[in-house]
Amino acid sequence: MISLVMDTATNRTSVALFDDNQLLFSGFHDGATAHAEVLPKLVKEALSINNEIGEVVVGMGPGPFTGLRVGITFAQTFAHARKISWRGACSLDAIDVDSASYIVTSDARRKEVYWAKYEYEVRVEGPSVSAPAVIADRSEMKFGFGFTDALYPSMAMLLAKSHTAPISEPLYLRRPDAVPTSERS
């Protein structure tokens, strides 16, 4: 089956195309505000390789509200239009790290990180959002934004996690900045 896999939970827009587990296409663009512009272009490139998509997989975060909405809405709409299934997976679960016990992080902006703890690639804590200082003194190895070079979800791992640990709701870990007029003080 041909799987279209995408993630917009970080400042990177990533798209891949797989025939079962064989990678047919992989592309990305860095830019936190470019998801809506870049995602359709990357998908168009993927479709030029193979247009017989059987399923769509999307990273469900955690991530900033707008970035997640772009990716999730695109994935759901694409799947609905083609009458095919879609599945989501936690984007942090797809960050590939070679360690037994570790914490991965991604940029949550506002001087915070999204993070989760893993034991042998199985999430045992989180996902959570906090200042990097909250986890800095923990004994586990830390990988990703605020601790090492930024790391991004592996599209192959996202596809695999969508089978073993699927989720159907976005992982928004904090309230949106916008509030109704009636709730403003």
C-alpha atoms as a PDB file:
ATOM      1  CA  MET A   1       0.000   0.000   0.000  1.00  0.00           C
ATOM      2  CA  ILE A   2       1.190   3.506  -0.823  1.00  0.00           C
ATOM      3  CA  SER A   3       1.287   5.753   2.272  1.00  0.00           C
ATOM      4  CA  LEU A   4       1.539   9.545   2.183  1.00  0.00           C
ATOM      5  CA  VAL A   5       3.177  10.658   5.456  1.00  0.00           C
ATOM      6  CA  MET A   6       3.440  14.256   6.660  1.00  0.00           C
ATOM      7  CA  ASP A   7       4.350  16.268   9.736  1.00  0.00           C
ATOM      8  CA  THR A   8       4.000  19.980  10.560  1.00  0.00           C
ATOM      9  CA  ALA A   9       4.473  19.817  14.347  1.00  0.00           C
ATOM     10  CA  THR A  10       7.866  21.549  14.263  1.00  0.00           C
ATOM     11  CA  ASN A  11       9.321  24.401  12.225  1.00  0.00           C
ATOM     12  CA  ARG A  12       9.959  21.786   9.502  1.00  0.00           C
ATOM     13  CA  THR A  13       7.310  20.684   7.016  1.00  0.00           C
ATOM     14  CA  SER A  14       8.055  17.058   6.094  1.00  0.00           C
ATOM     15  CA  VAL A  15       6.423  14.803   3.514  1.00  0.00           C
ATOM     16  CA  ALA A  16       7.297  11.249   2.502  1.00  0.00           C
ATOM     17  CA  LEU A  17       5.820   8.573   0.308  1.00  0.00           C
ATOM     18  CA  PHE A  18       6.208   4.879   1.106  1.00  0.00           C
ATOM     19  CA  ASP A  19       5.280   1.699  -0.739  1.00  0.00           C
ATOM     20  CA  ASP A  20       4.803  -0.466   2.358  1.00  0.00           C
ATOM     21  CA  ASN A  21       8.137   0.327   4.067  1.00  0.00           C
ATOM     22  CA  GLN A  22      10.083   1.279   0.950  1.00  0.00           C
ATOM     23  CA  LEU A  23      10.750   5.014   0.715  1.00  0.00           C
ATOM     24  CA  LEU A  24       9.694   6.452  -2.656  1.00  0.00           C
ATOM     25  CA  PHE A  25       9.938  10.176  -1.879  1.00  0.00           C
ATOM     26  CA  SER A  26      11.146  12.368   0.956  1.00  0.00           C
ATOM     27  CA  GLY A  27      11.115  16.135   1.113  1.00  0.00           C
ATOM     28  CA  PHE A  28      11.107  18.898   3.692  1.00  0.00           C
ATOM     29  CA  HIS A  29      11.209  22.642   4.075  1.00  0.00           C
ATOM     30  CA  ASP A  30      12.331  24.563   7.140  1.00  0.00           C
ATOM     31  CA  GLY A  31      10.283  27.600   8.140  1.00  0.00           C
ATOM     32  CA  ALA A  32       7.853  27.854  11.046  1.00  0.00           C
ATOM     33  CA  THR A  33       5.380  30.021   9.146  1.00  0.00           C
ATOM     34  CA  ALA A  34       5.598  28.267   5.763  1.00  0.00           C
ATOM     35  CA  HIS A  35       3.582  25.082   6.430  1.00  0.00           C
ATOM     36  CA  ALA A  36       0.449  26.182   4.532  1.00  0.00           C
ATOM     37  CA  GLU A  37       2.448  27.297   1.507  1.00  0.00           C
ATOM     38  CA  VAL A  38       4.954  24.444   1.381  1.00  0.00           C
ATOM     39  CA  LEU A  39       2.865  21.376   2.296  1.00  0.00           C
ATOM     40  CA  PRO A  40       0.819  21.294  -0.949  1.00  0.00           C
ATOM     41  CA  LYS A  41       4.008  21.747  -3.000  1.00  0.00           C
ATOM     42  CA  LEU A  42       5.748  18.845  -1.258  1.00  0.00           C
ATOM     43  CA  VAL A  43       2.667  16.638  -1.642  1.00  0.00           C
ATOM     44  CA  LYS A  44       2.503  17.525  -5.344  1.00  0.00           C
ATOM     45  CA  GLU A  45       6.133  16.401  -5.695  1.00  0.00           C
ATOM     46  CA  ALA A  46       5.319  13.137  -3.905  1.00  0.00           C
ATOM     47  CA  LEU A  47       2.270  12.536  -6.116  1.00  0.00           C
ATOM     48  CA  SER A  48       4.439  12.939  -9.221  1.00  0.00           C
ATOM     49  CA  ILE A  49       6.290   9.796  -8.058  1.00  0.00           C
ATOM     50  CA  ASN A  50       3.134   7.776  -7.358  1.00  0.00           C
ATOM     51  CA  ASN A  51      -0.455   9.023  -7.259  1.00  0.00           C
ATOM     52  CA  GLU A  52      -2.074   5.776  -6.032  1.00  0.00           C
ATOM     53  CA  ILE A  53      -2.236   6.771  -2.351  1.00  0.00           C
ATOM     54  CA  GLY A  54      -3.933   4.178  -0.126  1.00  0.00           C
ATOM     55  CA  GLU A  55      -3.631   5.944   3.243  1.00  0.00           C
ATOM     56  CA  VAL A  56      -2.483   9.183   4.832  1.00  0.00           C
ATOM     57  CA  VAL A  57      -0.454   9.431   8.049  1.00  0.00           C
ATOM     58  CA  VAL A  58       0.028  12.708   9.902  1.00  0.00           C
ATOM     59  CA  GLY A  59       1.982  13.866  12.942  1.00  0.00           C
ATOM     60  CA  MET A  60      -0.473  14.935  15.644  1.00  0.00           C
ATOM     61  CA  GLY A  61       1.990  16.949  17.700  1.00  0.00           C
ATOM     62  CA  PRO A  62       2.620  18.215  20.195  1.00  0.00           C
ATOM     63  CA  GLY A  63       3.228  21.399  18.324  1.00  0.00           C
ATOM     64  CA  PRO A  64       2.051  24.965  17.867  1.00  0.00           C
ATOM     65  CA  PHE A  65      -1.661  25.257  17.094  1.00  0.00           C
ATOM     66  CA  THR A  66      -1.394  26.730  13.598  1.00  0.00           C
ATOM     67  CA  GLY A  67       1.274  24.325  12.356  1.00  0.00           C
ATOM     68  CA  LEU A  68      -0.655  21.316  13.608  1.00  0.00           C
ATOM     69  CA  ARG A  69      -3.932  22.526  12.129  1.00  0.00           C
ATOM     70  CA  VAL A  70      -2.316  22.974   8.705  1.00  0.00           C
ATOM     71  CA  GLY A  71      -0.960  19.417   8.610  1.00  0.00           C
ATOM     72  CA  ILE A  72      -3.922  17.669  10.219  1.00  0.00           C
ATOM     73  CA  THR A  73      -6.546  19.504   8.177  1.00  0.00           C
ATOM     74  CA  PHE A  74      -4.622  18.875   4.965  1.00  0.00           C
ATOM     75  CA  ALA A  75      -4.254  15.151   5.775  1.00  0.00           C
ATOM     76  CA  GLN A  76      -7.912  14.717   6.706  1.00  0.00           C
ATOM     77  CA  THR A  77      -9.149  16.651   3.674  1.00  0.00           C
ATOM     78  CA  PHE A  78      -6.856  14.750   1.296  1.00  0.00           C
ATOM     79  CA  ALA A  79      -8.007  11.414   2.745  1.00  0.00           C
ATOM     80  CA  HIS A  80     -11.684  12.418   2.668  1.00  0.00           C
ATOM     81  CA  ALA A  81     -11.480  13.604  -0.952  1.00  0.00           C
ATOM     82  CA  ARG A  82      -9.949  10.296  -2.016  1.00  0.00           C
ATOM     83  CA  LYS A  83     -12.141   8.192   0.279  1.00  0.00           C
ATOM     84  CA  ILE A  84      -9.111   6.620   1.958  1.00  0.00           C
ATOM     85  CA  SER A  85      -8.161   6.233   5.607  1.00  0.00           C
ATOM     86  CA  TRP A  86      -5.955   8.525   7.653  1.00  0.00           C
ATOM     87  CA  ARG A  87      -4.154   7.922  10.944  1.00  0.00           C
ATOM     88  CA  GLY A  88      -2.166  10.073  13.290  1.00  0.00           C
ATOM     89  CA  ALA A  89       0.764   9.462  15.596  1.00  0.00           C
ATOM     90  CA  CYS A  90       2.640  11.485  18.208  1.00  0.00           C
ATOM     91  CA  SER A  91       5.364  13.453  16.439  1.00  0.00           C
ATOM     92  CA  LEU A  92       7.777  13.115  19.374  1.00  0.00           C
ATOM     93  CA  ASP A  93       7.416   9.315  19.170  1.00  0.00           C
ATOM     94  CA  ALA A  94       8.925   9.495  15.674  1.00  0.00           C
ATOM     95  CA  ILE A  95      12.159  11.237  16.654  1.00  0.00           C
ATOM     96  CA  ASP A  96      14.848   8.607  16.109  1.00  0.00           C
ATOM     97  CA  VAL A  97      17.373   8.430  18.949  1.00  0.00           C
ATOM     98  CA  ASP A  98      19.954   5.705  19.565  1.00  0.00           C
ATOM     99  CA  SER A  99      19.745   5.368  23.343  1.00  0.00           C
ATOM    100  CA  ALA A 100      18.005   3.096  25.854  1.00  0.00           C
ATOM    101  CA  SER A 101      16.574   5.777  28.171  1.00  0.00           C
ATOM    102  CA  TYR A 102      16.221   9.317  26.918  1.00  0.00           C
ATOM    103  CA  ILE A 103      14.165  12.495  26.632  1.00  0.00           C
ATOM    104  CA  VAL A 104      13.425  14.130  23.274  1.00  0.00           C
ATOM    105  CA  THR A 105      12.449  17.757  22.865  1.00  0.00           C
ATOM    106  CA  SER A 106      11.134  20.076  20.190  1.00  0.00           C
ATOM    107  CA  ASP A 107      10.717  23.843  20.133  1.00  0.00           C
ATOM    108  CA  ALA A 108       7.460  24.942  21.766  1.00  0.00           C
ATOM    109  CA  ARG A 109       8.409  28.601  21.397  1.00  0.00           C
ATOM    110  CA  ARG A 110       7.853  31.049  24.279  1.00  0.00           C
ATOM    111  CA  LYS A 111      11.123  29.759  25.826  1.00  0.00           C
ATOM    112  CA  GLU A 112       9.587  26.286  26.275  1.00  0.00           C
ATOM    113  CA  VAL A 113      10.044  22.796  24.858  1.00  0.00           C
ATOM    114  CA  TYR A 114       7.686  19.934  24.127  1.00  0.00           C
ATOM    115  CA  TRP A 115       9.202  16.798  25.577  1.00  0.00           C
ATOM    116  CA  ALA A 116       8.650  13.131  26.335  1.00  0.00           C
ATOM    117  CA  LYS A 117      10.683  10.401  28.023  1.00  0.00           C
ATOM    118  CA  TYR A 118      11.329   7.044  26.340  1.00  0.00           C
ATOM    119  CA  GLU A 119      12.593   3.657  27.419  1.00  0.00           C
ATOM    120  CA  TYR A 120      13.674   1.547  24.455  1.00  0.00           C
ATOM    121  CA  GLU A 121      11.609   3.698  22.041  1.00  0.00           C
ATOM    122  CA  VAL A 122       8.432   3.366  24.146  1.00  0.00           C
ATOM    123  CA  ARG A 123       7.052   6.595  25.589  1.00  0.00           C
ATOM    124  CA  VAL A 124       6.841   6.314  29.388  1.00  0.00           C
ATOM    125  CA  GLU A 125       6.281   9.975  30.295  1.00  0.00           C
ATOM    126  CA  GLY A 126       4.687  12.909  28.496  1.00  0.00           C
ATOM    127  CA  PRO A 127       4.252  14.484  26.139  1.00  0.00           C
ATOM    128  CA  SER A 128       4.573  17.636  28.194  1.00  0.00           C
ATOM    129  CA  VAL A 129       5.469  21.285  27.725  1.00  0.00           C
ATOM    130  CA  SER A 130       7.756  23.231  30.057  1.00  0.00           C
ATOM    131  CA  ALA A 131      10.813  25.424  30.265  1.00  0.00           C
ATOM    132  CA  PRO A 132      13.993  23.470  29.435  1.00  0.00           C
ATOM    133  CA  ALA A 133      15.198  24.068  33.001  1.00  0.00           C
ATOM    134  CA  VAL A 134      12.426  21.779  34.313  1.00  0.00           C
ATOM    135  CA  ILE A 135      14.090  18.756  32.702  1.00  0.00           C
ATOM    136  CA  ALA A 136      17.717  19.965  32.501  1.00  0.00           C
ATOM    137  CA  ASP A 137      18.824  18.317  35.770  1.00  0.00           C
ATOM    138  CA  ARG A 138      17.211  14.954  35.057  1.00  0.00           C
ATOM    139  CA  SER A 139      19.637  12.066  34.627  1.00  0.00           C
ATOM    140  CA  GLU A 140      18.337  10.855  31.259  1.00  0.00           C
ATOM    141  CA  MET A 141      20.157  11.797  28.054  1.00  0.00           C
ATOM    142  CA  LYS A 142      18.375  14.698  26.368  1.00  0.00           C
ATOM    143  CA  PHE A 143      18.129  15.131  22.617  1.00  0.00           C
ATOM    144  CA  GLY A 144      16.622  17.918  20.566  1.00  0.00           C
ATOM    145  CA  PHE A 145      15.881  21.606  20.837  1.00  0.00           C
ATOM    146  CA  GLY A 146      17.540  23.263  23.831  1.00  0.00           C
ATOM    147  CA  PHE A 147      19.927  20.339  24.445  1.00  0.00           C
ATOM    148  CA  THR A 148      21.441  19.259  21.110  1.00  0.00           C
ATOM    149  CA  ASP A 149      20.876  20.230  17.523  1.00  0.00           C
ATOM    150  CA  ALA A 150      17.177  20.306  16.682  1.00  0.00           C
ATOM    151  CA  LEU A 151      15.784  16.884  15.771  1.00  0.00           C
ATOM    152  CA  TYR A 152      12.772  16.219  13.580  1.00  0.00           C
ATOM    153  CA  PRO A 153      10.345  13.331  13.262  1.00  0.00           C
ATOM    154  CA  SER A 154      11.423  10.473  11.005  1.00  0.00           C
ATOM    155  CA  MET A 155       8.707   9.850   8.444  1.00  0.00           C
ATOM    156  CA  ALA A 156       9.456   6.090   8.538  1.00  0.00           C
ATOM    157  CA  MET A 157       9.031   6.054  12.326  1.00  0.00           C
ATOM    158  CA  LEU A 158       5.867   8.168  12.078  1.00  0.00           C
ATOM    159  CA  LEU A 159       4.423   5.593   9.680  1.00  0.00           C
ATOM    160  CA  ALA A 160       5.389   2.734  12.018  1.00  0.00           C
ATOM    161  CA  LYS A 161       4.010   4.479  15.120  1.00  0.00           C
ATOM    162  CA  SER A 162       0.730   5.163  13.318  1.00  0.00           C
ATOM    163  CA  HIS A 163       0.266   1.376  13.237  1.00  0.00           C
ATOM    164  CA  THR A 164       1.463   0.572  16.774  1.00  0.00           C
ATOM    165  CA  ALA A 165       0.357   3.683  18.706  1.00  0.00           C
ATOM    166  CA  PRO A 166      -2.204   5.593  16.618  1.00  0.00           C
ATOM    167  CA  ILE A 167      -3.892   8.721  17.954  1.00  0.00           C
ATOM    168  CA  SER A 168      -6.808  10.617  16.489  1.00  0.00           C
ATOM    169  CA  GLU A 169      -6.756  13.888  18.448  1.00  0.00           C
ATOM    170  CA  PRO A 170      -4.170  16.667  18.119  1.00  0.00           C
ATOM    171  CA  LEU A 171      -1.780  17.053  21.040  1.00  0.00           C
ATOM    172  CA  TYR A 172      -2.284  20.683  22.033  1.00  0.00           C
ATOM    173  CA  LEU A 173      -0.518  21.064  25.360  1.00  0.00           C
ATOM    174  CA  ARG A 174      -1.376  24.646  26.191  1.00  0.00           C
ATOM    175  CA  ARG A 175      -4.260  27.027  25.778  1.00  0.00           C
ATOM    176  CA  PRO A 176      -4.380  29.094  22.574  1.00  0.00           C
ATOM    177  CA  ASP A 177      -3.203  32.698  22.687  1.00  0.00           C
ATOM    178  CA  ALA A 178      -6.513  33.933  21.318  1.00  0.00           C
ATOM    179  CA  VAL A 179      -9.375  34.196  23.799  1.00  0.00           C
ATOM    180  CA  PRO A 180     -12.986  35.239  23.295  1.00  0.00           C
ATOM    181  CA  THR A 181     -13.730  38.872  24.088  1.00  0.00           C
ATOM    182  CA  SER A 182     -15.995  37.796  26.966  1.00  0.00           C
ATOM    183  CA  GLU A 183     -13.033  36.105  28.709  1.00  0.00           C
ATOM    184  CA  ARG A 184     -10.597  39.016  28.420  1.00  0.00           C
ATOM    185  CA  SER A 185      -9.946  41.018  31.570  1.00  0.00           C
END
